[in-house]
Amino acid sequence: MSDSGPGGGGYFWCLRHHRVETGDDVCPAQYRLGPYATAGEAERALETVEKRNAEWDAEDARWNGEDR
């Protein structure tokens, strides 16, 4: 049994509706994050974005020789 959502397209987090969407019931790409392998990962999409942004900001600071 696959956990990749209907049609194998994965799960998306909709920024407009604040919900997990799958299959044919997804908003346009400009309003969604993903695909994610599970609904749980999609539900945590904003946390994942925040964590990655913090990591990238820290890496940029190191690259630029800034102390953060």
PDB file of N, CA and C in Angstrom:
ATOM      1  N   MET A   1       0.838  -1.186   0.000  1.00  0.00           N
ATOM      2  CA  MET A   1       0.000   0.000   0.000  1.00  0.00           C
ATOM      3  C   MET A   1       0.878   1.242   0.000  1.00  0.00           C
ATOM      4  N   SER A   2       0.621   2.163  -0.873  1.00  0.00           N
ATOM      5  CA  SER A   2       1.398   3.385  -1.008  1.00  0.00           C
ATOM      6  C   SER A   2       0.875   4.481  -0.093  1.00  0.00           C
ATOM      7  N   ASP A   3       1.805   5.311   0.422  1.00  0.00           N
ATOM      8  CA  ASP A   3       1.432   6.428   1.280  1.00  0.00           C
ATOM      9  C   ASP A   3       1.695   7.751   0.565  1.00  0.00           C
ATOM     10  N   SER A   4       1.652   7.726  -0.765  1.00  0.00           N
ATOM     11  CA  SER A   4       1.985   8.924  -1.532  1.00  0.00           C
ATOM     12  C   SER A   4       0.761   9.676  -2.017  1.00  0.00           C
ATOM     13  N   GLY A   5      -0.393   9.318  -1.518  1.00  0.00           N
ATOM     14  CA  GLY A   5      -1.597  10.035  -1.901  1.00  0.00           C
ATOM     15  C   GLY A   5      -2.208   9.480  -3.163  1.00  0.00           C
ATOM     16  N   PRO A   6      -3.396   9.924  -3.490  1.00  0.00           N
ATOM     17  CA  PRO A   6      -4.080   9.456  -4.690  1.00  0.00           C
ATOM     18  C   PRO A   6      -3.267   9.742  -5.943  1.00  0.00           C
ATOM     19  N   GLY A   7      -3.199   8.764  -6.798  1.00  0.00           N
ATOM     20  CA  GLY A   7      -2.506   8.962  -8.061  1.00  0.00           C
ATOM     21  C   GLY A   7      -1.001   9.046  -7.943  1.00  0.00           C
ATOM     22  N   GLY A   8      -0.454   8.841  -6.739  1.00  0.00           N
ATOM     23  CA  GLY A   8       0.985   8.910  -6.563  1.00  0.00           C
ATOM     24  C   GLY A   8       1.537  10.319  -6.622  1.00  0.00           C
ATOM     25  N   GLY A   9       0.679  11.335  -6.623  1.00  0.00           N
ATOM     26  CA  GLY A   9       1.136  12.709  -6.732  1.00  0.00           C
ATOM     27  C   GLY A   9       1.590  13.329  -5.438  1.00  0.00           C
ATOM     28  N   GLY A  10       1.395  12.664  -4.335  1.00  0.00           N
ATOM     29  CA  GLY A  10       1.845  13.166  -3.054  1.00  0.00           C
ATOM     30  C   GLY A  10       0.821  14.055  -2.376  1.00  0.00           C
ATOM     31  N   TYR A  11       1.279  14.629  -1.294  1.00  0.00           N
ATOM     32  CA  TYR A  11       0.452  15.511  -0.473  1.00  0.00           C
ATOM     33  C   TYR A  11       1.017  16.923  -0.546  1.00  0.00           C
ATOM     34  N   PHE A  12       0.136  17.907  -0.530  1.00  0.00           N
ATOM     35  CA  PHE A  12       0.539  19.305  -0.613  1.00  0.00           C
ATOM     36  C   PHE A  12      -0.080  20.082   0.539  1.00  0.00           C
ATOM     37  N   TRP A  13       0.614  21.133   0.986  1.00  0.00           N
ATOM     38  CA  TRP A  13       0.043  22.050   1.962  1.00  0.00           C
ATOM     39  C   TRP A  13      -0.449  23.271   1.198  1.00  0.00           C
ATOM     40  N   CYS A  14      -1.731  23.574   1.331  1.00  0.00           N
ATOM     41  CA  CYS A  14      -2.321  24.714   0.645  1.00  0.00           C
ATOM     42  C   CYS A  14      -2.179  25.955   1.514  1.00  0.00           C
ATOM     43  N   LEU A  15      -1.502  26.961   0.994  1.00  0.00           N
ATOM     44  CA  LEU A  15      -1.302  28.218   1.718  1.00  0.00           C
ATOM     45  C   LEU A  15      -2.570  29.063   1.769  1.00  0.00           C
ATOM     46  N   ARG A  16      -3.471  28.821   0.859  1.00  0.00           N
ATOM     47  CA  ARG A  16      -4.716  29.587   0.800  1.00  0.00           C
ATOM     48  C   ARG A  16      -5.766  29.010   1.752  1.00  0.00           C
ATOM     49  N   HIS A  17      -5.866  27.691   1.797  1.00  0.00           N
ATOM     50  CA  HIS A  17      -6.909  27.054   2.607  1.00  0.00           C
ATOM     51  C   HIS A  17      -6.401  26.482   3.929  1.00  0.00           C
ATOM     52  N   HIS A  18      -5.066  26.481   4.109  1.00  0.00           N
ATOM     53  CA  HIS A  18      -4.446  25.970   5.345  1.00  0.00           C
ATOM     54  C   HIS A  18      -4.876  24.534   5.621  1.00  0.00           C
ATOM     55  N   ARG A  19      -4.673  23.679   4.608  1.00  0.00           N
ATOM     56  CA  ARG A  19      -5.038  22.271   4.733  1.00  0.00           C
ATOM     57  C   ARG A  19      -4.180  21.432   3.791  1.00  0.00           C
ATOM     58  N   VAL A  20      -4.170  20.129   4.052  1.00  0.00           N
ATOM     59  CA  VAL A  20      -3.498  19.172   3.173  1.00  0.00           C
ATOM     60  C   VAL A  20      -4.409  18.889   1.990  1.00  0.00           C
ATOM     61  N   GLU A  21      -3.827  18.869   0.793  1.00  0.00           N
ATOM     62  CA  GLU A  21      -4.583  18.577  -0.419  1.00  0.00           C
ATOM     63  C   GLU A  21      -3.873  17.479  -1.202  1.00  0.00           C
ATOM     64  N   THR A  22      -4.657  16.670  -1.930  1.00  0.00           N
ATOM     65  CA  THR A  22      -4.108  15.566  -2.712  1.00  0.00           C
ATOM     66  C   THR A  22      -4.875  15.412  -4.015  1.00  0.00           C
ATOM     67  N   GLY A  23      -4.312  14.613  -4.901  1.00  0.00           N
ATOM     68  CA  GLY A  23      -5.003  14.223  -6.124  1.00  0.00           C
ATOM     69  C   GLY A  23      -5.485  15.385  -6.967  1.00  0.00           C
ATOM     70  N   ASP A  24      -6.735  15.277  -7.410  1.00  0.00           N
ATOM     71  CA  ASP A  24      -7.318  16.323  -8.244  1.00  0.00           C
ATOM     72  C   ASP A  24      -7.803  17.511  -7.425  1.00  0.00           C
ATOM     73  N   ASP A  25      -7.753  17.407  -6.101  1.00  0.00           N
ATOM     74  CA  ASP A  25      -8.253  18.458  -5.219  1.00  0.00           C
ATOM     75  C   ASP A  25      -7.106  19.323  -4.699  1.00  0.00           C
ATOM     76  N   VAL A  26      -6.285  19.854  -5.608  1.00  0.00           N
ATOM     77  CA  VAL A  26      -5.177  20.713  -5.196  1.00  0.00           C
ATOM     78  C   VAL A  26      -5.321  22.082  -5.840  1.00  0.00           C
ATOM     79  N   CYS A  27      -4.935  23.085  -5.103  1.00  0.00           N
ATOM     80  CA  CYS A  27      -4.939  24.451  -5.627  1.00  0.00           C
ATOM     81  C   CYS A  27      -3.766  24.623  -6.597  1.00  0.00           C
ATOM     82  N   PRO A  28      -3.760  25.705  -7.371  1.00  0.00           N
ATOM     83  CA  PRO A  28      -2.644  25.967  -8.278  1.00  0.00           C
ATOM     84  C   PRO A  28      -1.311  26.013  -7.521  1.00  0.00           C
ATOM     85  N   ALA A  29      -0.239  25.729  -8.218  1.00  0.00           N
ATOM     86  CA  ALA A  29       1.095  25.625  -7.619  1.00  0.00           C
ATOM     87  C   ALA A  29       1.483  26.858  -6.808  1.00  0.00           C
ATOM     88  N   GLN A  30       1.032  28.026  -7.210  1.00  0.00           N
ATOM     89  CA  GLN A  30       1.419  29.248  -6.490  1.00  0.00           C
ATOM     90  C   GLN A  30       0.884  29.285  -5.067  1.00  0.00           C
ATOM     91  N   TYR A  31      -0.078  28.428  -4.742  1.00  0.00           N
ATOM     92  CA  TYR A  31      -0.691  28.415  -3.409  1.00  0.00           C
ATOM     93  C   TYR A  31      -0.321  27.191  -2.590  1.00  0.00           C
ATOM     94  N   ARG A  32       0.605  26.362  -3.057  1.00  0.00           N
ATOM     95  CA  ARG A  32       0.863  25.132  -2.321  1.00  0.00           C
ATOM     96  C   ARG A  32       2.354  24.871  -2.146  1.00  0.00           C
ATOM     97  N   LEU A  33       2.650  24.088  -1.127  1.00  0.00           N
ATOM     98  CA  LEU A  33       3.999  23.611  -0.851  1.00  0.00           C
ATOM     99  C   LEU A  33       3.982  22.098  -1.011  1.00  0.00           C
ATOM    100  N   GLY A  34       5.050  21.542  -1.550  1.00  0.00           N
ATOM    101  CA  GLY A  34       5.124  20.099  -1.703  1.00  0.00           C
ATOM    102  C   GLY A  34       5.559  19.730  -3.099  1.00  0.00           C
ATOM    103  N   PRO A  35       5.519  18.473  -3.415  1.00  0.00           N
ATOM    104  CA  PRO A  35       4.793  17.402  -2.743  1.00  0.00           C
ATOM    105  C   PRO A  35       5.580  16.833  -1.563  1.00  0.00           C
ATOM    106  N   TYR A  36       4.845  16.274  -0.628  1.00  0.00           N
ATOM    107  CA  TYR A  36       5.379  15.571   0.518  1.00  0.00           C
ATOM    108  C   TYR A  36       4.930  14.120   0.446  1.00  0.00           C
ATOM    109  N   ALA A  37       5.690  13.236   1.059  1.00  0.00           N
ATOM    110  CA  ALA A  37       5.404  11.807   0.994  1.00  0.00           C
ATOM    111  C   ALA A  37       4.197  11.402   1.837  1.00  0.00           C
ATOM    112  N   THR A  38       3.946  12.141   2.917  1.00  0.00           N
ATOM    113  CA  THR A  38       2.828  11.791   3.798  1.00  0.00           C
ATOM    114  C   THR A  38       2.011  13.034   4.126  1.00  0.00           C
ATOM    115  N   ALA A  39       0.795  12.808   4.590  1.00  0.00           N
ATOM    116  CA  ALA A  39      -0.054  13.920   5.004  1.00  0.00           C
ATOM    117  C   ALA A  39       0.566  14.634   6.203  1.00  0.00           C
ATOM    118  N   GLY A  40       1.197  13.883   7.097  1.00  0.00           N
ATOM    119  CA  GLY A  40       1.847  14.481   8.263  1.00  0.00           C
ATOM    120  C   GLY A  40       2.961  15.438   7.873  1.00  0.00           C
ATOM    121  N   GLU A  41       3.761  15.044   6.895  1.00  0.00           N
ATOM    122  CA  GLU A  41       4.825  15.933   6.419  1.00  0.00           C
ATOM    123  C   GLU A  41       4.230  17.196   5.817  1.00  0.00           C
ATOM    124  N   ALA A  42       3.158  17.052   5.076  1.00  0.00           N
ATOM    125  CA  ALA A  42       2.505  18.216   4.475  1.00  0.00           C
ATOM    126  C   ALA A  42       1.952  19.138   5.558  1.00  0.00           C
ATOM    127  N   GLU A  43       1.398  18.563   6.624  1.00  0.00           N
ATOM    128  CA  GLU A  43       0.866  19.380   7.718  1.00  0.00           C
ATOM    129  C   GLU A  43       1.964  20.188   8.403  1.00  0.00           C
ATOM    130  N   ARG A  44       3.189  19.687   8.370  1.00  0.00           N
ATOM    131  CA  ARG A  44       4.323  20.386   8.993  1.00  0.00           C
ATOM    132  C   ARG A  44       5.116  21.226   7.990  1.00  0.00           C
ATOM    133  N   ALA A  45       4.553  21.487   6.833  1.00  0.00           N
ATOM    134  CA  ALA A  45       5.279  22.187   5.764  1.00  0.00           C
ATOM    135  C   ALA A  45       5.805  23.551   6.207  1.00  0.00           C
ATOM    136  N   LEU A  46       5.004  24.320   6.905  1.00  0.00           N
ATOM    137  CA  LEU A  46       5.456  25.651   7.316  1.00  0.00           C
ATOM    138  C   LEU A  46       6.582  25.570   8.342  1.00  0.00           C
ATOM    139  N   GLU A  47       6.543  24.564   9.212  1.00  0.00           N
ATOM    140  CA  GLU A  47       7.642  24.352  10.158  1.00  0.00           C
ATOM    141  C   GLU A  47       8.914  23.983   9.412  1.00  0.00           C
ATOM    142  N   THR A  48       8.779  23.147   8.390  1.00  0.00           N
ATOM    143  CA  THR A  48       9.923  22.743   7.585  1.00  0.00           C
ATOM    144  C   THR A  48      10.526  23.945   6.870  1.00  0.00           C
ATOM    145  N   VAL A  49       9.683  24.795   6.323  1.00  0.00           N
ATOM    146  CA  VAL A  49      10.160  26.006   5.632  1.00  0.00           C
ATOM    147  C   VAL A  49      10.904  26.903   6.611  1.00  0.00           C
ATOM    148  N   GLU A  50      10.338  27.102   7.795  1.00  0.00           N
ATOM    149  CA  GLU A  50      10.968  27.964   8.802  1.00  0.00           C
ATOM    150  C   GLU A  50      12.337  27.418   9.209  1.00  0.00           C
ATOM    151  N   LYS A  51      12.423  26.106   9.432  1.00  0.00           N
ATOM    152  CA  LYS A  51      13.683  25.480   9.821  1.00  0.00           C
ATOM    153  C   LYS A  51      14.726  25.629   8.718  1.00  0.00           C
ATOM    154  N   ARG A  52      14.340  25.346   7.484  1.00  0.00           N
ATOM    155  CA  ARG A  52      15.290  25.454   6.368  1.00  0.00           C
ATOM    156  C   ARG A  52      15.747  26.890   6.166  1.00  0.00           C
ATOM    157  N   ASN A  53      14.836  27.842   6.277  1.00  0.00           N
ATOM    158  CA  ASN A  53      15.223  29.248   6.124  1.00  0.00           C
ATOM    159  C   ASN A  53      16.233  29.657   7.183  1.00  0.00           C
ATOM    160  N   ALA A  54      16.036  29.222   8.429  1.00  0.00           N
ATOM    161  CA  ALA A  54      16.976  29.538   9.502  1.00  0.00           C
ATOM    162  C   ALA A  54      18.347  28.931   9.211  1.00  0.00           C
ATOM    163  N   GLU A  55      18.354  27.684   8.738  1.00  0.00           N
ATOM    164  CA  GLU A  55      19.620  27.032   8.389  1.00  0.00           C
ATOM    165  C   GLU A  55      20.324  27.771   7.260  1.00  0.00           C
ATOM    166  N   TRP A  56      19.575  28.163   6.237  1.00  0.00           N
ATOM    167  CA  TRP A  56      20.176  28.870   5.102  1.00  0.00           C
ATOM    168  C   TRP A  56      20.655  30.264   5.506  1.00  0.00           C
ATOM    169  N   ASP A  57      19.911  30.959   6.371  1.00  0.00           N
ATOM    170  CA  ASP A  57      20.348  32.271   6.854  1.00  0.00           C
ATOM    171  C   ASP A  57      21.655  32.147   7.633  1.00  0.00           C
ATOM    172  N   ALA A  58      21.769  31.103   8.461  1.00  0.00           N
ATOM    173  CA  ALA A  58      23.001  30.883   9.226  1.00  0.00           C
ATOM    174  C   ALA A  58      24.159  30.573   8.287  1.00  0.00           C
ATOM    175  N   GLU A  59      23.906  29.767   7.268  1.00  0.00           N
ATOM    176  CA  GLU A  59      24.957  29.456   6.296  1.00  0.00           C
ATOM    177  C   GLU A  59      25.377  30.710   5.531  1.00  0.00           C
ATOM    178  N   ASP A  60      24.425  31.549   5.137  1.00  0.00           N
ATOM    179  CA  ASP A  60      24.753  32.814   4.466  1.00  0.00           C
ATOM    180  C   ASP A  60      25.611  33.692   5.368  1.00  0.00           C
ATOM    181  N   ALA A  61      25.275  33.753   6.645  1.00  0.00           N
ATOM    182  CA  ALA A  61      26.042  34.566   7.591  1.00  0.00           C
ATOM    183  C   ALA A  61      27.469  34.041   7.704  1.00  0.00           C
ATOM    184  N   ARG A  62      27.634  32.714   7.790  1.00  0.00           N
ATOM    185  CA  ARG A  62      28.984  32.128   7.842  1.00  0.00           C
ATOM    186  C   ARG A  62      29.748  32.444   6.565  1.00  0.00           C
ATOM    187  N   TRP A  63      29.085  32.319   5.424  1.00  0.00           N
ATOM    188  CA  TRP A  63      29.714  32.582   4.142  1.00  0.00           C
ATOM    189  C   TRP A  63      30.202  34.032   4.060  1.00  0.00           C
ATOM    190  N   ASN A  64      29.398  34.949   4.595  1.00  0.00           N
ATOM    191  CA  ASN A  64      29.730  36.369   4.549  1.00  0.00           C
ATOM    192  C   ASN A  64      30.632  36.811   5.697  1.00  0.00           C
ATOM    193  N   GLY A  65      31.022  35.866   6.572  1.00  0.00           N
ATOM    194  CA  GLY A  65      31.914  36.186   7.676  1.00  0.00           C
ATOM    195  C   GLY A  65      31.242  36.945   8.799  1.00  0.00           C
ATOM    196  N   GLU A  66      29.932  36.845   8.888  1.00  0.00           N
ATOM    197  CA  GLU A  66      29.185  37.531   9.938  1.00  0.00           C
ATOM    198  C   GLU A  66      29.042  36.619  11.145  1.00  0.00           C
ATOM    199  N   ASP A  67      29.071  37.216  12.309  1.00  0.00           N
ATOM    200  CA  ASP A  67      28.835  36.448  13.545  1.00  0.00           C
ATOM    201  C   ASP A  67      27.372  36.550  13.880  1.00  0.00           C
ATOM    202  N   ARG A  68      26.689  35.420  13.952  1.00  0.00           N
ATOM    203  CA  ARG A  68      25.268  35.389  14.311  1.00  0.00           C
ATOM    204  C   ARG A  68      25.085  34.527  15.497  1.00  0.00           C
TER     205      ARG A  68
END
